[in-house]
N, C-alpha and C. Protein backbone atom coordinates (compact mmCIF):
# COMPACT_ATOMS: atom_id res chain seq x y z
N MET A 1 0.85 -1.18 0.00
CA MET A 1 0.00 0.00 0.00
C MET A 1 0.89 1.24 0.00
N LYS A 2 0.49 2.21 -0.77
CA LYS A 2 1.23 3.47 -0.83
C LYS A 2 0.81 4.37 0.33
N ARG A 3 1.70 5.26 0.70
CA ARG A 3 1.45 6.17 1.82
C ARG A 3 0.18 6.98 1.61
N ASP A 4 -0.04 7.51 0.40
CA ASP A 4 -1.23 8.32 0.14
C ASP A 4 -2.51 7.50 0.30
N ASP A 5 -2.47 6.23 -0.08
CA ASP A 5 -3.63 5.36 0.09
C ASP A 5 -3.92 5.13 1.57
N ALA A 6 -2.88 4.96 2.36
CA ALA A 6 -3.05 4.79 3.81
C ALA A 6 -3.64 6.05 4.42
N ILE A 7 -3.16 7.20 3.99
CA ILE A 7 -3.70 8.47 4.50
C ILE A 7 -5.18 8.59 4.15
N ASP A 8 -5.55 8.23 2.92
CA ASP A 8 -6.96 8.26 2.52
C ASP A 8 -7.81 7.33 3.39
N ALA A 9 -7.29 6.14 3.66
CA ALA A 9 -8.03 5.18 4.48
C ALA A 9 -8.22 5.72 5.90
N PHE A 10 -7.16 6.23 6.49
CA PHE A 10 -7.28 6.77 7.85
C PHE A 10 -8.18 8.00 7.89
N SER A 11 -8.11 8.83 6.87
CA SER A 11 -8.99 10.00 6.81
C SER A 11 -10.46 9.57 6.74
N ALA A 12 -10.72 8.52 5.96
CA ALA A 12 -12.09 8.02 5.84
C ALA A 12 -12.61 7.50 7.18
N LEU A 13 -11.74 6.87 7.95
CA LEU A 13 -12.16 6.30 9.24
C LEU A 13 -12.18 7.33 10.36
N ALA A 14 -11.65 8.52 10.12
CA ALA A 14 -11.52 9.53 11.16
C ALA A 14 -12.79 10.35 11.32
N HIS A 15 -13.92 9.66 11.34
CA HIS A 15 -15.22 10.29 11.55
C HIS A 15 -16.09 9.30 12.30
N GLU A 16 -16.81 9.77 13.28
CA GLU A 16 -17.59 8.88 14.14
C GLU A 16 -18.55 7.98 13.36
N THR A 17 -19.30 8.55 12.45
CA THR A 17 -20.27 7.75 11.70
C THR A 17 -19.58 6.75 10.78
N ARG A 18 -18.55 7.19 10.07
CA ARG A 18 -17.87 6.27 9.15
C ARG A 18 -17.18 5.15 9.89
N LEU A 19 -16.62 5.45 11.03
CA LEU A 19 -16.00 4.40 11.85
C LEU A 19 -17.06 3.40 12.31
N ALA A 20 -18.22 3.90 12.72
CA ALA A 20 -19.32 3.02 13.15
C ALA A 20 -19.80 2.15 11.99
N VAL A 21 -19.91 2.73 10.80
CA VAL A 21 -20.32 1.97 9.61
C VAL A 21 -19.30 0.87 9.32
N PHE A 22 -18.03 1.23 9.32
CA PHE A 22 -16.99 0.26 9.02
C PHE A 22 -17.00 -0.88 10.03
N ARG A 23 -17.12 -0.57 11.30
CA ARG A 23 -17.14 -1.61 12.33
C ARG A 23 -18.38 -2.51 12.19
N LEU A 24 -19.52 -1.91 11.85
CA LEU A 24 -20.73 -2.70 11.62
C LEU A 24 -20.52 -3.67 10.45
N LEU A 25 -19.91 -3.18 9.38
CA LEU A 25 -19.68 -4.03 8.21
C LEU A 25 -18.67 -5.14 8.50
N VAL A 26 -17.62 -4.83 9.24
CA VAL A 26 -16.64 -5.86 9.60
C VAL A 26 -17.31 -6.93 10.44
N LYS A 27 -18.17 -6.51 11.36
CA LYS A 27 -18.88 -7.47 12.20
C LYS A 27 -19.80 -8.35 11.36
N ALA A 28 -20.45 -7.76 10.36
CA ALA A 28 -21.38 -8.51 9.51
C ALA A 28 -20.67 -9.49 8.59
N GLY A 29 -19.45 -9.15 8.18
CA GLY A 29 -18.68 -10.06 7.34
C GLY A 29 -18.82 -9.79 5.85
N PRO A 30 -18.27 -10.67 5.04
CA PRO A 30 -18.17 -10.43 3.60
C PRO A 30 -19.50 -10.47 2.85
N GLU A 31 -20.56 -11.00 3.45
CA GLU A 31 -21.83 -11.05 2.73
C GLU A 31 -22.47 -9.67 2.58
N GLY A 32 -22.08 -8.72 3.42
CA GLY A 32 -22.54 -7.35 3.28
C GLY A 32 -23.85 -7.06 3.96
N VAL A 33 -24.18 -5.77 3.99
CA VAL A 33 -25.40 -5.27 4.63
C VAL A 33 -26.02 -4.23 3.69
N PRO A 34 -27.33 -4.29 3.46
CA PRO A 34 -27.98 -3.29 2.62
C PRO A 34 -27.87 -1.89 3.24
N ALA A 35 -27.76 -0.89 2.39
CA ALA A 35 -27.60 0.49 2.85
C ALA A 35 -28.70 0.91 3.81
N LEU A 36 -29.94 0.58 3.50
CA LEU A 36 -31.05 0.97 4.38
C LEU A 36 -30.97 0.28 5.74
N GLU A 37 -30.45 -0.92 5.77
CA GLU A 37 -30.27 -1.64 7.04
C GLU A 37 -29.16 -0.99 7.87
N ILE A 38 -28.11 -0.54 7.20
CA ILE A 38 -27.04 0.18 7.91
C ILE A 38 -27.63 1.44 8.55
N ALA A 39 -28.40 2.17 7.77
CA ALA A 39 -29.03 3.40 8.29
C ALA A 39 -29.92 3.08 9.49
N ARG A 40 -30.70 2.02 9.39
CA ARG A 40 -31.59 1.65 10.49
C ARG A 40 -30.81 1.31 11.74
N ARG A 41 -29.78 0.47 11.59
CA ARG A 41 -29.00 0.03 12.75
C ARG A 41 -28.26 1.18 13.43
N LEU A 42 -27.80 2.14 12.63
CA LEU A 42 -27.04 3.25 13.19
C LEU A 42 -27.91 4.48 13.48
N GLU A 43 -29.21 4.34 13.17
CA GLU A 43 -30.15 5.44 13.35
C GLU A 43 -29.65 6.70 12.63
N ALA A 44 -29.26 6.50 11.37
CA ALA A 44 -28.74 7.59 10.54
C ALA A 44 -29.69 7.85 9.39
N LYS A 45 -29.72 9.09 8.94
CA LYS A 45 -30.53 9.43 7.77
C LYS A 45 -29.88 8.80 6.53
N PRO A 46 -30.67 8.12 5.70
CA PRO A 46 -30.10 7.50 4.50
C PRO A 46 -29.35 8.48 3.60
N SER A 47 -29.86 9.69 3.48
CA SER A 47 -29.19 10.67 2.60
C SER A 47 -27.81 11.05 3.15
N THR A 48 -27.69 11.18 4.46
CA THR A 48 -26.40 11.49 5.08
C THR A 48 -25.48 10.29 4.99
N LEU A 49 -26.03 9.12 5.26
CA LEU A 49 -25.23 7.89 5.24
C LEU A 49 -24.64 7.64 3.86
N SER A 50 -25.37 7.99 2.83
CA SER A 50 -24.90 7.78 1.46
C SER A 50 -23.55 8.46 1.23
N GLY A 51 -23.39 9.67 1.72
CA GLY A 51 -22.12 10.37 1.59
C GLY A 51 -21.00 9.67 2.33
N HIS A 52 -21.29 9.20 3.54
CA HIS A 52 -20.28 8.49 4.33
C HIS A 52 -19.86 7.18 3.64
N LEU A 53 -20.84 6.46 3.10
CA LEU A 53 -20.53 5.22 2.40
C LEU A 53 -19.67 5.49 1.16
N GLY A 54 -19.96 6.59 0.48
CA GLY A 54 -19.17 6.97 -0.69
C GLY A 54 -17.71 7.25 -0.33
N ILE A 55 -17.49 7.91 0.79
CA ILE A 55 -16.13 8.21 1.24
C ILE A 55 -15.39 6.91 1.57
N LEU A 56 -16.06 6.00 2.27
CA LEU A 56 -15.43 4.72 2.61
C LEU A 56 -15.12 3.91 1.35
N LYS A 57 -16.02 3.98 0.39
CA LYS A 57 -15.81 3.24 -0.86
C LYS A 57 -14.65 3.84 -1.65
N ARG A 58 -14.59 5.17 -1.76
CA ARG A 58 -13.48 5.81 -2.50
C ARG A 58 -12.14 5.52 -1.84
N ALA A 59 -12.14 5.35 -0.52
CA ALA A 59 -10.90 5.03 0.19
C ALA A 59 -10.54 3.55 0.03
N GLY A 60 -11.43 2.78 -0.59
CA GLY A 60 -11.17 1.36 -0.82
C GLY A 60 -11.46 0.46 0.36
N LEU A 61 -12.08 1.00 1.40
CA LEU A 61 -12.33 0.20 2.60
C LEU A 61 -13.60 -0.63 2.53
N VAL A 62 -14.53 -0.26 1.66
CA VAL A 62 -15.75 -1.04 1.49
C VAL A 62 -16.03 -1.24 0.01
N THR A 63 -16.82 -2.25 -0.26
CA THR A 63 -17.28 -2.52 -1.62
C THR A 63 -18.79 -2.35 -1.66
N ALA A 64 -19.31 -2.07 -2.83
CA ALA A 64 -20.75 -1.93 -3.01
C ALA A 64 -21.18 -2.81 -4.16
N THR A 65 -22.21 -3.61 -3.91
CA THR A 65 -22.72 -4.53 -4.92
C THR A 65 -24.23 -4.36 -5.01
N ARG A 66 -24.71 -4.14 -6.23
CA ARG A 66 -26.16 -3.98 -6.41
C ARG A 66 -26.81 -5.36 -6.41
N ARG A 67 -27.89 -5.48 -5.63
CA ARG A 67 -28.71 -6.69 -5.60
C ARG A 67 -30.15 -6.25 -5.78
N GLN A 68 -30.64 -6.40 -6.98
CA GLN A 68 -31.96 -5.92 -7.37
C GLN A 68 -32.06 -4.43 -7.08
N LYS A 69 -32.94 -4.02 -6.16
CA LYS A 69 -33.14 -2.60 -5.90
C LYS A 69 -32.29 -2.05 -4.77
N GLU A 70 -31.49 -2.90 -4.13
CA GLU A 70 -30.70 -2.43 -3.00
C GLU A 70 -29.21 -2.56 -3.28
N ILE A 71 -28.44 -1.82 -2.52
CA ILE A 71 -26.98 -1.89 -2.62
C ILE A 71 -26.45 -2.48 -1.33
N LEU A 72 -25.68 -3.56 -1.49
CA LEU A 72 -25.04 -4.20 -0.33
C LEU A 72 -23.64 -3.64 -0.17
N TYR A 73 -23.31 -3.25 1.05
CA TYR A 73 -21.97 -2.78 1.36
C TYR A 73 -21.28 -3.82 2.22
N ALA A 74 -20.01 -4.06 1.93
CA ALA A 74 -19.22 -5.05 2.66
C ALA A 74 -17.81 -4.51 2.87
N PRO A 75 -17.15 -4.99 3.91
CA PRO A 75 -15.76 -4.54 4.12
C PRO A 75 -14.85 -5.13 3.05
N ASN A 76 -13.86 -4.37 2.67
CA ASN A 76 -12.84 -4.86 1.73
C ASN A 76 -11.68 -5.35 2.60
N PHE A 77 -11.71 -6.62 2.96
CA PHE A 77 -10.71 -7.17 3.86
C PHE A 77 -9.30 -7.12 3.26
N GLY A 78 -9.19 -7.16 1.95
CA GLY A 78 -7.89 -7.04 1.32
C GLY A 78 -7.27 -5.67 1.60
N ALA A 79 -8.09 -4.63 1.55
CA ALA A 79 -7.59 -3.28 1.84
C ALA A 79 -7.22 -3.13 3.31
N VAL A 80 -8.01 -3.75 4.18
CA VAL A 80 -7.70 -3.71 5.61
C VAL A 80 -6.37 -4.42 5.87
N ASP A 81 -6.19 -5.56 5.25
CA ASP A 81 -4.93 -6.30 5.38
C ASP A 81 -3.75 -5.46 4.89
N ALA A 82 -3.93 -4.81 3.74
CA ALA A 82 -2.85 -3.97 3.19
C ALA A 82 -2.53 -2.80 4.11
N LEU A 83 -3.56 -2.24 4.74
CA LEU A 83 -3.36 -1.12 5.66
C LEU A 83 -2.57 -1.57 6.90
N VAL A 84 -2.93 -2.72 7.44
CA VAL A 84 -2.21 -3.24 8.60
C VAL A 84 -0.77 -3.56 8.22
N ARG A 85 -0.59 -4.17 7.07
CA ARG A 85 0.77 -4.50 6.61
C ARG A 85 1.60 -3.23 6.41
N PHE A 86 0.97 -2.18 5.88
CA PHE A 86 1.65 -0.90 5.70
C PHE A 86 2.13 -0.36 7.06
N LEU A 87 1.25 -0.44 8.05
CA LEU A 87 1.61 0.06 9.38
C LEU A 87 2.75 -0.72 10.01
N LEU A 88 2.79 -2.01 9.75
CA LEU A 88 3.74 -2.87 10.45
C LEU A 88 4.94 -3.31 9.61
N GLU A 89 5.06 -2.82 8.39
CA GLU A 89 6.11 -3.34 7.50
C GLU A 89 7.52 -3.12 8.03
N ASP A 90 7.74 -2.10 8.81
CA ASP A 90 9.07 -1.85 9.36
C ASP A 90 9.12 -2.13 10.86
N CYS A 91 8.17 -2.93 11.33
CA CYS A 91 8.07 -3.23 12.76
C CYS A 91 9.40 -3.79 13.28
N CYS A 92 9.84 -3.24 14.37
CA CYS A 92 11.04 -3.71 15.07
C CYS A 92 12.26 -3.76 14.17
N GLY A 93 12.40 -2.75 13.30
CA GLY A 93 13.58 -2.66 12.45
C GLY A 93 13.73 -3.81 11.48
N GLY A 94 12.62 -4.39 11.06
CA GLY A 94 12.68 -5.49 10.11
C GLY A 94 12.90 -6.85 10.75
N GLU A 95 12.85 -6.90 12.06
CA GLU A 95 13.00 -8.16 12.81
C GLU A 95 11.64 -8.54 13.40
N PRO A 96 10.74 -9.12 12.60
CA PRO A 96 9.39 -9.39 13.08
C PRO A 96 9.34 -10.27 14.32
N GLY A 97 10.34 -11.07 14.56
CA GLY A 97 10.36 -11.90 15.77
C GLY A 97 10.38 -11.08 17.04
N SER A 98 10.86 -9.86 16.94
CA SER A 98 10.92 -8.98 18.10
C SER A 98 9.59 -8.27 18.37
N CYS A 99 8.66 -8.40 17.47
CA CYS A 99 7.39 -7.66 17.57
C CYS A 99 6.33 -8.40 18.36
N GLY A 100 6.61 -9.59 18.81
CA GLY A 100 5.63 -10.33 19.60
C GLY A 100 4.36 -10.61 18.82
N GLU A 101 3.23 -10.32 19.43
CA GLU A 101 1.92 -10.61 18.83
C GLU A 101 1.67 -9.82 17.56
N LEU A 102 2.28 -8.67 17.40
CA LEU A 102 2.07 -7.86 16.20
C LEU A 102 2.55 -8.57 14.94
N ALA A 103 3.57 -9.40 15.07
CA ALA A 103 4.15 -10.07 13.91
C ALA A 103 3.12 -10.91 13.16
N GLY A 104 2.18 -11.52 13.86
CA GLY A 104 1.19 -12.39 13.22
C GLY A 104 -0.11 -11.70 12.87
N LEU A 105 -0.21 -10.40 13.14
CA LEU A 105 -1.48 -9.70 12.92
C LEU A 105 -1.92 -9.70 11.48
N GLY A 106 -1.03 -9.42 10.54
CA GLY A 106 -1.39 -9.42 9.13
C GLY A 106 -1.88 -10.78 8.68
N ALA A 107 -1.24 -11.83 9.13
CA ALA A 107 -1.65 -13.19 8.77
C ALA A 107 -3.01 -13.52 9.38
N THR A 108 -3.28 -13.01 10.58
CA THR A 108 -4.57 -13.25 11.24
C THR A 108 -5.70 -12.59 10.45
N ILE A 109 -5.48 -11.38 9.98
CA ILE A 109 -6.51 -10.68 9.22
C ILE A 109 -6.74 -11.36 7.87
N SER A 110 -5.67 -11.77 7.22
CA SER A 110 -5.80 -12.42 5.91
C SER A 110 -6.48 -13.77 6.02
N GLY A 111 -6.22 -14.49 7.09
CA GLY A 111 -6.74 -15.85 7.21
C GLY A 111 -8.05 -15.86 7.79
């Protein structure tokens, strides 16, 4: 992951509603959640939520798939994995054995 992509991802998550949306989607898993259901669960206005979902999608953190009349949003676990790897790529001066539990974090997210 490039530095600018990481900055975009963190910027997208640096908002209370977007962070709540992302956490809800991660909890739901790869099958996704319809936009109106996200709004209902978070008690958010659909029109406002649409903008937040767009920001998360442009940052590559979520995917959107049309299913008939609704749009399902799901976490992009590949992007999350890349973000974690970006954060930890130089962990402990390139000696991952010195990083303890952090060393296996990227593998845990991918698997």
